[in-house]
Amino acid sequence: MSFFETAVDRFLGGVVKRGVLEIVHADGRVARFGTPEPGFPEVQMRLVDANVARGIVLDPGLGAAEAFMDGRLVLEQGDILALLELVRTNSPWDRGANLGTPSLFRRLRGIVSARVDGYNQARSAKANVAHHYDLGNDFYRLFLDRRMQYSCAYWPRPDMSLDQAQDAKLVHIAAKLRLSPGLHVLDIGCGWGGLAIYLAQNCGVRVTGITLSEEQLVLARSEAQAAGVADCVTFELVDYRDLAARGTRFDRIASVGMFEHVGSPQFPAFFRACATMLADDGVMMLHTIGRMNEPGATDAFTRKYIFPGGYIPALSETVAASEPFRLIASDVEMLRLHYAFTLRAWYANCARHQAQIEAMYDARFFRMWQFYLAGAATAFENSGLCNYQIVFLRDRHATPITRDWIAAAESALSGA
């Protein structure tokens, strides 16, 4: 038995107490940890060769991910979601667990890499976006809702369908924007146009949506035409920094699921651009994945395979970056488990379409995507991730002085 195999057993044996994890090592040796308990998975994984253990010890997240993607870490009982759930539910961040806390060297390496990647100047931002969002519209149709909202849904009730929860998210955002007919709204990172089209249809506003994904742009324009709102919704392939340089101002700004791609070195540029483009009495709503704890670094797997140049911000650094530009953080809401519900729905949809996804790409890509969705879902359930919705103002008088107006607007829109 190698040093690395021993280290894997010691680590996982120290973590898994509730539920069962059985590891079949490459030499046939079986290690079993935990105790059966209702609500906790029972998983068996097989390590095809001794190098799997080495990769996991050197970098647990990336090592396990690449071994799973390559078919060298095989789940004999349970799936990758069950495995990650088992490990993370035994070590919840809320209770002070530091599961997989990296060595000082790996922490420093991650921070340096994140800062370098996160510079994300305009010339690299488009390439980073294309890496993920230009995988093909047909692929995203297989697991997203009917409006193709690729961001955290809003679940007033956990028993809602994905379509219902994504519709509820649009209502929730529209309510916070305090809209009235005739206003001009900017949607930064508009995706496939779902929010822009919804606002035009239900709130009587004009919308300009911007994206750096050519695939998204084509479909967004097509969807606006099909919805009959092409006369009041415009989509452009342009960076927010270049748009700000034009001098156009907007009554409202929404940014949903885009701030995670900005990169922390570019936070000042982002908020400078938003402050420049937002009308004096305007309202801005920022919806972003966030950290519950202090600033950190993007994990190696996500940085390498999923979102190059991306960074999940802490609330503290997000608000701090906005302060020099006199953007008033007038309302902050944390969505704790909403993205976990969303990601589990996406994971289930991908599982149902495994054959189609593998035909589009290959089995390795499918397993990569499974690991991404499963890892994210269990992180929102047990690690220090959440979503934040922050309403920014330039004038403290722009919205009522209590939060009642949000609920009232949401109720009115829900009946629309």
Protein backbone atom coordinates (compact mmCIF):
# COMPACT_ATOMS: atom_id res chain seq x y z
CA MET A 1 0.00 0.00 0.00
CA SER A 2 1.50 3.32 -1.08
CA PHE A 3 1.91 6.47 0.96
CA PHE A 4 -0.77 8.20 -1.13
CA GLU A 5 -3.29 5.38 -0.71
CA THR A 6 -2.73 5.46 3.03
CA ALA A 7 -3.17 9.25 3.03
CA VAL A 8 -6.47 9.00 1.14
CA ASP A 9 -7.79 6.39 3.59
CA ARG A 10 -6.71 8.46 6.58
CA PHE A 11 -8.28 11.63 5.20
CA LEU A 12 -11.63 10.13 4.13
CA GLY A 13 -11.79 7.92 7.20
CA GLY A 14 -11.47 11.03 9.33
CA VAL A 15 -14.28 12.74 7.43
CA VAL A 16 -16.94 10.12 6.73
CA LYS A 17 -18.70 9.15 9.96
CA ARG A 18 -22.36 9.30 8.91
CA GLY A 19 -23.29 7.28 5.84
CA VAL A 20 -20.91 4.82 4.22
CA LEU A 21 -17.97 5.17 1.85
CA GLU A 22 -16.26 2.06 0.50
CA ILE A 23 -13.04 2.42 -1.49
CA VAL A 24 -11.74 -0.38 -3.69
CA HIS A 25 -8.08 0.40 -4.28
CA ALA A 26 -6.18 -0.54 -7.42
CA ASP A 27 -4.57 -3.54 -5.68
CA GLY A 28 -7.99 -4.88 -4.69
CA ARG A 29 -7.81 -3.80 -1.06
CA VAL A 30 -11.13 -2.53 0.31
CA ALA A 31 -11.42 0.28 2.87
CA ARG A 32 -14.81 1.04 4.44
CA PHE A 33 -15.68 4.12 6.46
CA GLY A 34 -18.74 5.42 8.31
CA THR A 35 -21.97 3.97 9.64
CA PRO A 36 -25.28 3.63 7.78
CA GLU A 37 -27.69 6.39 8.70
CA PRO A 38 -30.99 7.49 7.14
CA GLY A 39 -30.52 10.53 4.90
CA PHE A 40 -26.82 9.91 4.28
CA PRO A 41 -25.62 8.19 1.07
CA GLU A 42 -23.87 4.86 0.83
CA VAL A 43 -21.24 4.98 -1.91
CA GLN A 44 -18.66 2.63 -3.33
CA MET A 45 -15.87 3.96 -5.50
CA ARG A 46 -13.10 2.07 -7.28
CA LEU A 47 -9.69 3.57 -7.95
CA VAL A 48 -8.45 2.06 -11.20
CA ASP A 49 -4.75 2.79 -10.67
CA ALA A 50 -2.49 3.94 -7.84
CA ASN A 51 -1.99 7.39 -9.40
CA VAL A 52 -5.58 8.31 -8.56
CA ALA A 53 -4.71 8.43 -4.86
CA ARG A 54 -1.63 10.52 -5.64
CA GLY A 55 -3.69 13.09 -7.58
CA ILE A 56 -6.27 13.35 -4.79
CA VAL A 57 -3.60 13.91 -2.14
CA LEU A 58 -1.81 16.60 -4.18
CA ASP A 59 -5.02 18.50 -4.98
CA PRO A 60 -8.23 16.85 -3.70
CA GLY A 61 -10.72 18.71 -5.88
CA LEU A 62 -8.78 18.71 -9.14
CA GLY A 63 -7.32 15.25 -8.58
CA ALA A 64 -10.69 13.62 -7.90
CA ALA A 65 -12.32 15.52 -10.77
CA GLU A 66 -9.74 14.54 -13.38
CA ALA A 67 -9.71 10.91 -12.23
CA PHE A 68 -13.51 10.82 -12.48
CA MET A 69 -13.48 12.51 -15.89
CA ASP A 70 -10.89 10.04 -17.19
CA GLY A 71 -12.79 7.00 -15.93
CA ARG A 72 -10.07 6.19 -13.39
CA LEU A 73 -12.32 6.90 -10.39
CA VAL A 74 -15.39 4.75 -10.96
CA LEU A 75 -18.60 4.85 -8.92
CA GLU A 76 -19.82 1.28 -8.40
CA GLN A 77 -22.63 2.33 -6.03
CA GLY A 78 -24.12 5.80 -6.09
CA ASP A 79 -23.14 8.59 -8.46
CA ILE A 80 -20.78 11.56 -8.25
CA LEU A 81 -23.49 13.67 -6.62
CA ALA A 82 -23.90 11.06 -3.87
CA LEU A 83 -20.13 10.88 -3.32
CA LEU A 84 -19.68 14.63 -2.99
CA GLU A 85 -22.81 14.92 -0.87
CA LEU A 86 -21.54 12.21 1.47
CA VAL A 87 -18.18 13.90 1.97
CA ARG A 88 -19.52 17.43 2.33
CA THR A 89 -22.52 16.69 4.56
CA ASN A 90 -20.07 15.16 7.01
CA SER A 91 -18.10 18.43 7.08
CA PRO A 92 -20.50 21.39 6.86
CA TRP A 93 -18.86 24.82 6.70
CA ASP A 94 -21.54 26.24 9.02
CA ARG A 95 -20.17 24.14 11.89
CA GLY A 96 -16.60 25.19 11.46
CA ALA A 97 -15.42 22.31 9.28
CA ASN A 98 -12.43 22.99 7.04
CA LEU A 99 -12.82 20.10 4.64
CA GLY A 100 -10.01 19.89 2.18
CA THR A 101 -8.31 23.02 3.50
CA PRO A 102 -5.33 23.35 1.17
CA SER A 103 -1.74 23.67 2.25
CA LEU A 104 -0.23 27.13 2.54
CA PHE A 105 1.54 26.58 -0.78
CA ARG A 106 -1.68 25.61 -2.59
CA ARG A 107 -3.57 28.52 -1.04
CA LEU A 108 -0.91 30.97 -2.18
CA ARG A 109 -0.73 29.36 -5.62
CA GLY A 110 -4.52 29.58 -5.93
CA ILE A 111 -4.62 33.22 -4.89
CA VAL A 112 -1.84 34.20 -7.30
CA SER A 113 -3.43 32.23 -10.15
CA ALA A 114 -6.84 33.76 -9.44
CA ARG A 115 -5.39 37.27 -9.44
CA VAL A 116 -3.50 36.70 -12.70
CA ASP A 117 -6.52 35.08 -14.39
CA GLY A 118 -8.83 37.67 -12.88
CA TYR A 119 -7.21 40.61 -14.59
CA ASN A 120 -9.63 39.65 -17.35
CA GLN A 121 -9.03 42.64 -19.55
CA ALA A 122 -11.48 43.16 -22.41
CA ARG A 123 -9.23 41.27 -24.83
CA SER A 124 -9.36 38.09 -22.71
CA ALA A 125 -12.89 38.44 -21.34
CA LYS A 126 -14.51 37.42 -24.62
CA ALA A 127 -12.33 34.30 -24.89
CA ASN A 128 -13.14 33.34 -21.30
CA VAL A 129 -16.86 33.72 -21.92
CA ALA A 130 -16.68 31.73 -25.14
CA HIS A 131 -14.91 28.87 -23.34
CA HIS A 132 -18.09 28.20 -21.37
CA TYR A 133 -21.07 29.85 -23.02
CA ASP A 134 -20.32 29.01 -26.64
CA LEU A 135 -20.60 25.27 -26.06
CA GLY A 136 -23.76 25.40 -28.16
CA ASN A 137 -27.32 26.48 -27.57
CA ASP A 138 -28.62 22.95 -28.17
CA PHE A 139 -26.55 21.71 -25.25
CA TYR A 140 -27.93 24.27 -22.80
CA ARG A 141 -31.48 23.57 -23.94
CA LEU A 142 -31.11 20.04 -22.59
CA PHE A 143 -30.93 21.08 -18.95
CA LEU A 144 -32.07 24.69 -18.52
CA ASP A 145 -35.63 25.98 -18.14
CA ARG A 146 -37.76 27.03 -21.09
CA ARG A 147 -36.39 30.62 -20.95
CA MET A 148 -32.80 29.31 -20.71
CA GLN A 149 -31.92 31.11 -17.48
CA TYR A 150 -28.39 30.02 -16.61
CA SER A 151 -28.27 31.48 -13.12
CA CYS A 152 -29.70 30.76 -9.68
CA ALA A 153 -33.49 30.40 -9.66
CA TYR A 154 -35.70 31.67 -6.83
CA TRP A 155 -37.61 29.05 -4.87
CA PRO A 156 -40.35 30.47 -2.61
CA ARG A 157 -41.44 26.82 -2.38
CA PRO A 158 -38.99 23.91 -2.71
CA ASP A 159 -41.65 21.87 -4.55
CA MET A 160 -41.73 24.25 -7.52
CA SER A 161 -40.63 23.11 -10.96
CA LEU A 162 -37.47 24.60 -12.46
CA ASP A 163 -39.59 26.66 -14.89
CA GLN A 164 -41.67 28.04 -12.03
CA ALA A 165 -38.62 28.89 -9.94
CA GLN A 166 -36.89 30.68 -12.80
CA ASP A 167 -40.05 32.66 -13.51
CA ALA A 168 -40.16 33.58 -9.82
CA LYS A 169 -36.56 34.80 -10.09
CA LEU A 170 -37.49 37.15 -12.93
CA VAL A 171 -40.39 38.53 -10.91
CA HIS A 172 -38.15 38.99 -7.87
CA ILE A 173 -35.55 40.90 -9.87
CA ALA A 174 -38.10 43.03 -11.71
CA ALA A 175 -39.67 44.00 -8.38
CA LYS A 176 -36.34 45.19 -7.01
CA LEU A 177 -35.68 47.30 -10.12
CA ARG A 178 -38.77 49.42 -9.36
CA LEU A 179 -39.83 49.62 -12.98
CA SER A 180 -42.40 51.74 -14.76
CA PRO A 181 -43.34 51.88 -18.46
CA GLY A 182 -40.94 53.72 -20.73
CA LEU A 183 -37.79 53.29 -18.65
CA HIS A 184 -34.61 52.14 -20.37
CA VAL A 185 -32.97 49.10 -18.74
CA LEU A 186 -29.45 47.78 -19.30
CA ASP A 187 -28.96 44.02 -18.82
CA ILE A 188 -25.22 43.35 -18.37
CA GLY A 189 -24.48 39.75 -19.27
CA CYS A 190 -27.91 39.14 -20.78
CA GLY A 191 -27.41 35.46 -21.58
CA TRP A 192 -30.01 34.15 -23.99
CA GLY A 193 -32.26 37.14 -23.35
CA GLY A 194 -34.76 35.69 -20.89
CA LEU A 195 -34.71 38.58 -18.42
CA ALA A 196 -34.72 41.29 -21.11
CA ILE A 197 -37.66 39.70 -22.92
CA TYR A 198 -39.59 39.21 -19.68
CA LEU A 199 -39.10 42.86 -18.65
CA ALA A 200 -40.21 44.13 -22.05
CA GLN A 201 -43.29 41.90 -22.07
CA ASN A 202 -44.44 42.50 -18.51
CA CYS A 203 -43.12 45.90 -17.46
CA GLY A 204 -43.37 48.00 -20.62
CA VAL A 205 -39.70 48.99 -20.61
CA ARG A 206 -37.01 49.23 -23.26
CA VAL A 207 -34.07 46.92 -22.71
CA THR A 208 -30.53 46.81 -24.02
CA GLY A 209 -28.85 43.50 -23.35
CA ILE A 210 -25.12 42.97 -23.75
CA THR A 211 -23.12 39.75 -23.93
CA LEU A 212 -19.70 38.53 -25.06
CA SER A 213 -21.05 35.19 -26.30
CA GLU A 214 -21.80 35.01 -30.01
CA GLU A 215 -23.94 31.90 -29.49
CA GLN A 216 -26.06 33.70 -26.91
CA LEU A 217 -26.40 36.80 -29.05
CA VAL A 218 -27.85 34.93 -32.04
CA LEU A 219 -30.43 33.08 -29.94
CA ALA A 220 -31.37 36.13 -27.85
CA ARG A 221 -32.18 38.13 -30.97
CA SER A 222 -34.20 35.23 -32.36
CA GLU A 223 -36.13 34.82 -29.10
CA ALA A 224 -36.94 38.54 -28.94
CA GLN A 225 -38.27 38.40 -32.49
CA ALA A 226 -40.39 35.34 -31.69
CA ALA A 227 -41.75 37.00 -28.54
CA GLY A 228 -42.78 40.09 -30.49
CA VAL A 229 -40.57 42.49 -28.54
CA ALA A 230 -37.75 43.06 -31.02
CA ASP A 231 -38.84 46.70 -31.35
CA CYS A 232 -38.08 47.41 -27.68
CA VAL A 233 -35.29 44.93 -26.91
CA THR A 234 -31.81 45.31 -28.39
CA PHE A 235 -28.95 42.86 -27.93
CA GLU A 236 -25.31 43.72 -28.58
CA LEU A 237 -21.98 41.90 -28.55
CA VAL A 238 -20.07 44.44 -26.48
CA ASP A 239 -18.02 44.65 -23.29
CA TYR A 240 -19.50 46.72 -20.46
CA ARG A 241 -16.36 48.88 -20.42
CA ASP A 242 -16.76 49.77 -24.08
CA LEU A 243 -20.46 50.50 -23.64
CA ALA A 244 -19.71 52.87 -20.75
CA ALA A 245 -17.26 54.75 -22.97
CA ARG A 246 -20.13 55.68 -25.31
CA GLY A 247 -21.69 57.88 -22.66
CA THR A 248 -25.18 56.32 -22.80
CA ARG A 249 -27.08 56.38 -19.50
CA PHE A 250 -29.79 54.01 -18.34
CA ASP A 251 -32.66 54.35 -15.90
CA ARG A 252 -32.07 50.86 -14.55
CA ILE A 253 -29.22 48.34 -14.66
CA ALA A 254 -29.49 44.62 -14.01
CA SER A 255 -26.60 42.20 -13.90
CA VAL A 256 -27.50 38.58 -13.22
CA GLY A 257 -24.86 35.85 -12.99
CA MET A 258 -22.23 37.95 -14.73
CA PHE A 259 -20.23 39.53 -11.89
CA GLU A 260 -18.61 36.15 -11.15
CA HIS A 261 -16.75 36.51 -14.48
CA VAL A 262 -15.41 40.00 -13.86
CA GLY A 263 -12.38 39.02 -11.76
CA SER A 264 -11.49 40.89 -8.57
CA PRO A 265 -8.84 43.15 -10.15
CA GLN A 266 -11.57 44.44 -12.47
CA PHE A 267 -14.16 45.17 -9.75
CA PRO A 268 -13.34 48.90 -9.72
CA ALA A 269 -13.67 49.07 -13.51
CA PHE A 270 -17.03 47.30 -13.33
CA PHE A 271 -18.50 49.63 -10.72
CA ARG A 272 -16.99 52.70 -12.38
CA ALA A 273 -18.73 51.70 -15.60
CA CYS A 274 -22.03 51.06 -13.83
CA ALA A 275 -21.89 54.38 -11.98
CA THR A 276 -21.15 56.13 -15.28
CA MET A 277 -24.09 54.48 -17.05
CA LEU A 278 -26.69 54.68 -14.25
CA ALA A 279 -29.02 57.71 -14.23
CA ASP A 280 -28.89 60.00 -11.21
CA ASP A 281 -32.18 58.60 -9.89
CA GLY A 282 -31.48 55.11 -11.22
CA VAL A 283 -31.64 51.69 -9.60
CA MET A 284 -29.18 48.85 -10.17
CA MET A 285 -29.69 45.22 -9.15
CA LEU A 286 -26.62 42.94 -8.95
CA HIS A 287 -27.24 39.19 -8.64
CA THR A 288 -24.08 37.17 -8.06
CA ILE A 289 -22.72 34.01 -6.52
CA GLY A 290 -20.84 34.95 -3.38
CA ARG A 291 -18.82 33.72 -0.45
CA MET A 292 -20.17 33.70 3.08
CA ASN A 293 -16.64 34.10 4.39
CA GLU A 294 -13.65 36.26 3.60
CA PRO A 295 -12.18 36.70 0.10
CA GLY A 296 -10.47 33.61 -1.28
CA ALA A 297 -9.48 31.99 -4.57
CA THR A 298 -11.25 29.99 -7.25
CA ASP A 299 -10.58 26.26 -6.99
CA ALA A 300 -8.27 24.69 -9.56
CA PHE A 301 -10.92 22.50 -11.23
CA THR A 302 -13.31 25.40 -11.86
CA ARG A 303 -10.51 27.67 -13.01
CA LYS A 304 -9.11 25.08 -15.43
CA TYR A 305 -12.23 23.47 -16.87
CA ILE A 306 -15.31 25.58 -16.21
CA PHE A 307 -14.85 29.33 -15.71
CA PRO A 308 -11.36 30.57 -16.64
CA GLY A 309 -10.89 34.09 -15.37
CA GLY A 310 -13.84 33.75 -12.99
CA TYR A 311 -13.89 34.58 -9.31
CA ILE A 312 -16.59 34.25 -6.65
CA PRO A 313 -16.55 37.38 -4.50
CA ALA A 314 -17.14 37.88 -0.82
CA LEU A 315 -19.82 40.40 0.10
CA SER A 316 -17.22 42.55 1.82
CA GLU A 317 -15.05 43.03 -1.27
CA THR A 318 -18.07 43.51 -3.53
CA VAL A 319 -19.49 46.37 -1.49
CA ALA A 320 -16.03 47.83 -0.85
CA ALA A 321 -15.35 47.98 -4.59
CA SER A 322 -18.57 49.94 -5.15
CA GLU A 323 -17.95 52.53 -2.45
CA PRO A 324 -15.44 54.79 -4.27
CA PHE A 325 -18.08 55.41 -6.96
CA ARG A 326 -20.79 56.43 -4.49
CA LEU A 327 -23.08 53.57 -5.33
CA ILE A 328 -25.30 53.08 -2.29
CA ALA A 329 -25.86 49.43 -1.35
CA SER A 330 -29.45 50.09 -0.27
CA ASP A 331 -30.65 46.49 -0.04
CA VAL A 332 -28.81 43.20 0.34
CA GLU A 333 -30.46 39.77 0.25
CA MET A 334 -28.66 36.48 0.67
CA LEU A 335 -30.09 33.45 -1.14
CA ARG A 336 -28.67 30.54 0.84
CA LEU A 337 -30.02 27.30 -0.66
CA HIS A 338 -31.71 28.54 -3.83
CA TYR A 339 -28.77 27.68 -6.09
CA ALA A 340 -28.51 24.20 -4.59
CA PHE A 341 -32.11 23.53 -5.64
CA THR A 342 -31.34 24.93 -9.10
CA LEU A 343 -28.17 22.91 -9.59
CA ARG A 344 -29.84 19.67 -8.52
CA ALA A 345 -32.54 20.31 -11.13
CA TRP A 346 -29.88 20.91 -13.80
CA TYR A 347 -27.99 17.78 -12.70
CA ALA A 348 -31.14 15.66 -13.00
CA ASN A 349 -31.88 17.09 -16.45
CA CYS A 350 -28.33 16.32 -17.63
CA ALA A 351 -28.59 12.77 -16.29
CA ARG A 352 -31.78 12.27 -18.32
CA HIS A 353 -30.00 13.47 -21.46
CA GLN A 354 -26.69 11.65 -20.97
CA ALA A 355 -26.80 9.90 -24.33
CA GLN A 356 -27.48 13.14 -26.20
CA ILE A 357 -24.73 15.04 -24.38
CA GLU A 358 -22.19 12.28 -25.00
CA ALA A 359 -23.19 12.25 -28.68
CA MET A 360 -22.63 16.02 -28.85
CA TYR A 361 -19.25 15.84 -27.12
CA ASP A 362 -18.03 12.62 -25.46
CA ALA A 363 -18.25 10.65 -22.22
CA ARG A 364 -15.37 12.57 -20.64
CA PHE A 365 -17.15 15.89 -21.22
CA PHE A 366 -20.35 14.50 -19.70
CA ARG A 367 -18.49 13.37 -16.59
CA MET A 368 -16.77 16.76 -16.34
CA TRP A 369 -20.16 18.48 -16.45
CA GLN A 370 -21.57 16.06 -13.88
CA PHE A 371 -18.68 16.81 -11.53
CA TYR A 372 -19.16 20.55 -12.01
CA LEU A 373 -22.90 20.50 -11.25
CA ALA A 374 -22.60 18.00 -8.40
CA GLY A 375 -19.70 19.86 -6.83
CA ALA A 376 -21.51 23.17 -7.06
CA ALA A 377 -24.79 21.81 -5.67
CA THR A 378 -23.12 20.25 -2.63
CA ALA A 379 -20.99 23.37 -2.11
CA PHE A 380 -24.11 25.55 -1.86
CA GLU A 381 -25.59 23.04 0.58
CA ASN A 382 -22.57 22.57 2.81
CA SER A 383 -19.69 24.92 1.97
CA GLY A 384 -19.43 28.69 2.18
CA LEU A 385 -21.21 29.59 -1.07
CA CYS A 386 -24.45 31.52 -1.51
CA ASN A 387 -26.01 34.11 -3.81
CA TYR A 388 -26.33 37.81 -3.14
CA GLN A 389 -28.78 40.28 -4.61
CA ILE A 390 -27.64 43.84 -4.00
CA VAL A 391 -29.68 46.90 -4.95
CA PHE A 392 -27.48 49.94 -5.62
CA LEU A 393 -28.66 53.55 -5.84
CA ARG A 394 -26.97 56.80 -6.75
CA ASP A 395 -29.59 58.83 -4.87
CA ARG A 396 -30.79 57.69 -1.43
CA HIS A 397 -34.28 58.98 -2.28
CA ALA A 398 -34.68 56.77 -5.37
CA THR A 399 -36.64 54.05 -3.53
CA PRO A 400 -38.97 54.03 -0.49
CA ILE A 401 -37.27 53.89 2.90
CA THR A 402 -38.65 50.48 3.90
CA ARG A 403 -38.49 47.14 2.04
CA ASP A 404 -42.28 46.85 1.72
CA TRP A 405 -42.18 48.18 -1.83
CA ILE A 406 -40.31 45.08 -3.03
CA ALA A 407 -42.98 42.68 -1.79
CA ALA A 408 -45.75 44.91 -3.15
CA ALA A 409 -44.14 45.09 -6.60
CA GLU A 410 -43.52 41.35 -6.58
CA SER A 411 -47.15 40.65 -5.74
CA ALA A 412 -48.35 42.93 -8.53
CA LEU A 413 -46.01 41.30 -11.07
CA SER A 414 -46.99 37.78 -10.01
CA GLY A 415 -50.56 38.57 -10.97
CA ALA A 416 -49.50 39.93 -14.35
